[in-house]
Protein backbone atom coordinates (compact mmCIF):
# COMPACT_ATOMS: atom_id res chain seq x y z
CA MET A 1 34.63 121.43 -95.97
CA ILE A 2 31.39 122.36 -98.31
CA ASP A 3 31.10 126.31 -97.90
CA SER A 4 27.19 126.52 -98.64
CA THR A 5 26.80 129.63 -96.85
CA SER A 6 27.66 131.83 -99.66
CA LEU A 7 24.75 130.55 -101.51
CA PRO A 8 21.91 132.47 -100.79
CA LEU A 9 18.27 131.90 -99.17
CA ALA A 10 16.13 131.63 -102.10
CA GLY A 11 12.71 133.55 -102.20
CA ALA A 12 14.78 136.81 -100.55
CA GLU A 13 13.27 139.98 -101.91
CA PRO A 14 14.93 143.45 -101.74
CA PRO A 15 13.66 145.30 -98.56
CA LEU A 16 10.22 146.61 -98.53
CA ARG A 17 8.33 150.15 -97.47
CA ALA A 18 7.01 149.27 -94.12
CA ASP A 19 3.29 149.50 -95.68
CA ALA A 20 3.94 146.76 -98.40
CA VAL A 21 5.42 144.70 -95.29
CA ARG A 22 1.88 144.98 -93.90
CA ASN A 23 -0.03 144.65 -96.61
CA ARG A 24 1.79 141.31 -97.69
CA ALA A 25 1.63 140.08 -94.02
CA LEU A 26 -2.08 141.16 -94.37
CA LEU A 27 -2.17 139.11 -97.59
CA LEU A 28 -0.26 135.78 -96.84
CA GLU A 29 -2.67 135.91 -92.69
CA ALA A 30 -5.79 135.92 -95.06
CA ALA A 31 -4.32 133.14 -97.13
CA ALA A 32 -3.26 131.05 -94.31
CA ARG A 33 -6.87 131.35 -92.81
CA LEU A 34 -8.10 130.35 -95.96
CA ALA A 35 -5.86 127.18 -96.46
CA ALA A 36 -6.76 126.34 -92.37
CA ARG A 37 -10.43 126.18 -92.94
CA ARG A 38 -10.81 125.14 -96.65
CA GLY A 39 -7.66 124.00 -97.94
CA ALA A 40 -5.27 124.64 -100.33
CA ALA A 41 -7.51 124.56 -103.09
CA ALA A 42 -9.09 127.31 -101.81
CA ILE A 43 -6.52 129.76 -102.38
CA THR A 44 -7.59 131.79 -105.20
CA MET A 45 -6.54 135.21 -105.87
CA GLU A 46 -10.29 136.75 -105.52
CA ALA A 47 -10.94 134.40 -102.32
CA VAL A 48 -7.28 136.23 -100.85
CA ALA A 49 -8.59 139.77 -101.28
CA ALA A 50 -12.25 139.01 -100.22
CA GLU A 51 -10.64 137.56 -96.94
CA ALA A 52 -7.99 140.35 -96.65
CA GLY A 53 -11.02 143.03 -97.41
CA VAL A 54 -8.68 144.00 -100.69
CA GLY A 55 -8.97 144.54 -104.14
CA LYS A 56 -7.93 141.54 -106.19
CA GLY A 57 -5.82 144.02 -107.81
CA THR A 58 -3.76 144.71 -104.79
CA VAL A 59 -3.15 140.74 -104.31
CA SER A 60 -1.64 140.80 -107.85
CA ARG A 61 0.48 143.48 -107.89
CA ARG A 62 2.09 141.95 -104.72
CA PHE A 63 2.25 138.38 -105.53
CA GLY A 64 1.93 138.31 -109.18
CA ASP A 65 -0.74 134.98 -109.81
CA ARG A 66 -1.72 132.50 -107.69
CA ASN A 67 1.66 130.49 -108.01
CA GLY A 68 3.67 133.51 -106.57
CA LEU A 69 1.05 133.82 -103.59
CA LEU A 70 1.17 130.20 -102.79
CA GLN A 71 4.94 130.41 -102.71
CA ALA A 72 5.04 133.29 -100.76
CA LEU A 73 3.05 131.32 -98.12
CA LEU A 74 5.54 128.81 -97.79
CA ASP A 75 8.54 130.95 -97.99
CA ARG A 76 8.65 131.16 -93.70
CA SER A 77 8.81 127.19 -93.71
CA GLU A 78 11.17 127.11 -96.70
CA SER A 79 13.73 129.27 -95.61
CA LEU A 80 13.68 127.29 -91.74
CA PHE A 81 14.31 124.58 -94.13
CA GLN A 82 17.43 126.28 -96.42
CA GLU A 83 19.14 127.27 -93.06
CA ALA A 84 18.84 123.63 -91.56
CA PHE A 85 20.97 122.91 -94.76
CA LEU A 86 23.26 125.93 -94.87
CA SER A 87 24.07 126.78 -91.94
CA GLY A 88 22.50 124.09 -89.39
CA PRO A 89 23.65 121.22 -87.35
CA PRO A 90 24.89 117.73 -88.71
CA PRO A 91 23.65 116.28 -90.48
CA LEU A 92 22.34 118.64 -92.75
CA GLY A 93 24.80 121.56 -92.08
CA PRO A 94 27.94 122.65 -93.12
CA ARG A 95 29.88 120.56 -89.82
CA ALA A 96 28.91 117.45 -91.53
CA ASP A 97 31.29 115.73 -94.25
CA PRO A 98 29.57 116.12 -97.86
CA ALA A 99 28.60 112.53 -98.16
CA THR A 100 26.62 112.78 -94.54
CA ARG A 101 25.02 115.90 -95.69
CA LEU A 102 24.04 114.49 -99.09
CA ARG A 103 22.66 111.17 -97.40
CA ALA A 104 20.60 113.65 -94.96
CA PHE A 105 19.27 115.83 -97.44
CA GLY A 106 16.66 113.74 -99.59
CA PRO A 107 14.50 112.27 -96.15
CA ALA A 108 14.94 115.58 -94.80
CA LEU A 109 13.32 117.21 -97.97
CA LEU A 110 10.46 114.84 -97.86
CA ARG A 111 9.84 115.43 -94.81
CA HIS A 112 9.76 119.26 -94.65
CA GLU A 113 7.35 118.95 -98.21
CA HIS A 114 5.38 116.29 -96.53
CA ALA A 115 4.60 118.83 -93.66
CA ASP A 116 2.75 121.25 -96.13
CA LEU A 117 2.06 118.63 -98.73
CA GLU A 118 -1.26 120.11 -100.39
CA LEU A 119 0.35 124.09 -100.41
CA TYR A 120 3.54 122.43 -102.22
CA LEU A 121 1.23 120.53 -104.53
CA ALA A 122 -1.48 123.50 -105.09
CA ALA A 123 1.93 125.60 -105.48
CA GLU A 124 3.55 123.34 -108.10
CA PRO A 125 4.68 125.84 -110.94
CA SER A 126 3.80 125.04 -114.76
CA PRO A 127 6.19 123.22 -116.65
CA SER A 128 7.85 126.05 -118.01
CA ARG A 129 8.42 127.66 -114.52
CA ARG A 130 9.23 124.65 -112.35
CA PHE A 131 13.13 124.92 -112.26
CA ALA A 132 12.91 128.55 -111.91
CA VAL A 133 11.46 128.76 -108.54
CA PRO A 134 14.42 130.03 -106.01
CA ALA A 135 13.84 127.56 -103.93
CA ARG A 136 14.35 124.62 -106.24
CA ARG A 137 17.33 126.07 -107.66
CA LEU A 138 19.05 126.80 -104.19
CA ARG A 139 18.11 122.78 -103.49
CA HIS A 140 19.85 121.94 -107.12
CA ARG A 141 23.14 123.97 -106.76
CA HIS A 142 23.26 122.77 -102.94
CA VAL A 143 23.13 119.01 -104.04
CA ALA A 144 25.44 120.00 -107.56
CA LEU A 145 28.34 121.22 -104.87
CA LEU A 146 27.92 118.25 -102.56
CA VAL A 147 28.21 115.84 -105.47
CA ARG A 148 30.80 117.44 -106.92
CA ALA A 149 33.03 117.28 -103.48
CA LEU A 150 32.21 113.61 -104.00
CA LEU A 151 32.96 112.97 -107.12
CA PRO A 152 35.01 115.44 -108.88
CA GLY A 153 34.90 115.28 -112.73
CA ALA A 154 31.27 113.66 -112.64
CA ASP A 155 28.18 115.48 -114.55
CA ALA A 156 27.72 117.08 -110.85
CA ASP A 157 24.53 119.30 -112.29
CA LEU A 158 22.79 116.26 -114.33
CA LEU A 159 23.27 113.96 -111.08
CA ALA A 160 21.69 116.97 -108.65
CA HIS A 161 18.87 117.01 -110.96
CA THR A 162 18.50 113.11 -111.26
CA LEU A 163 18.87 112.43 -107.76
CA LEU A 164 16.70 115.07 -106.85
CA ALA A 165 13.85 114.12 -109.38
CA SER A 166 13.19 110.65 -107.03
CA VAL A 167 11.97 112.95 -103.97
CA ASP A 168 10.31 115.57 -106.28
CA VAL A 169 7.05 116.16 -104.43
CA VAL A 170 4.41 115.26 -107.42
CA LEU A 171 5.88 111.88 -107.79
CA THR A 172 6.28 111.14 -104.04
CA ASP A 173 2.40 111.86 -103.56
CA HIS A 174 1.55 109.70 -106.59
CA LEU A 175 3.65 106.73 -104.78
CA VAL A 176 2.65 107.21 -101.12
CA ARG A 177 -1.30 108.44 -102.30
CA GLY A 178 -1.61 106.77 -105.31
CA HIS A 179 0.20 103.87 -104.77
CA GLY A 180 0.55 103.12 -101.22
CA MET A 181 4.08 103.43 -101.12
CA PRO A 182 5.27 103.94 -97.09
CA LEU A 183 7.32 107.28 -97.35
CA ALA A 184 9.99 105.79 -95.15
CA ARG A 185 10.34 103.40 -98.73
CA VAL A 186 10.81 106.60 -100.66
CA GLU A 187 13.44 107.76 -97.65
CA ALA A 188 15.52 104.43 -98.52
CA GLY A 189 15.43 104.64 -102.39
CA TRP A 190 17.38 108.23 -102.11
CA HIS A 191 19.26 106.37 -99.66
CA ASP A 192 20.22 103.52 -102.33
CA LEU A 193 20.81 106.04 -105.03
CA VAL A 194 23.38 108.11 -103.00
CA ASP A 195 25.23 104.67 -101.65
CA ARG A 196 25.33 103.46 -105.14
CA LEU A 197 26.63 106.54 -106.99
CA LEU A 198 29.26 106.89 -104.06
CA THR A 199 30.57 103.41 -104.61
């Protein structure tokens, strides 16, 4: 069994003062209202500040930039997904064998990101920051641990990047919306890659 429970949840922040917690919640509620009314494209630092009734500097100090704001907006659903594969029940969680967990991970990630697709696409970081996002780093580390358990001696880090690239949110959106590919085919592609890797 792989002990993924020692992996920290991505995006975890140090404890905040009570007023900072209230301000963060106020800003995220404003961003969520904007997204619900006008879509993820409407979430700008200025629009969130206006919706929350604060200055743009308040939003900037709390989140840094638009990408930081969008990542924070995704934190709740991302935390639930992380809990599912770090400590949840099979087939994702640690009570399942590594092969079962690896086969289940790609489709679960696809469905997870598809549920908040517009936000994930809007939150897509620049190429220089793409692999520094805590949630992505945790996903990679998790997949690499599973690969390492299944294929000792293999380049688990590179194989994990290769597998995760096949279910990348931008690629998946391109295939599904741009080319009409059913999401089920992308999921089947993950299973095919994993099965070929393990045979």
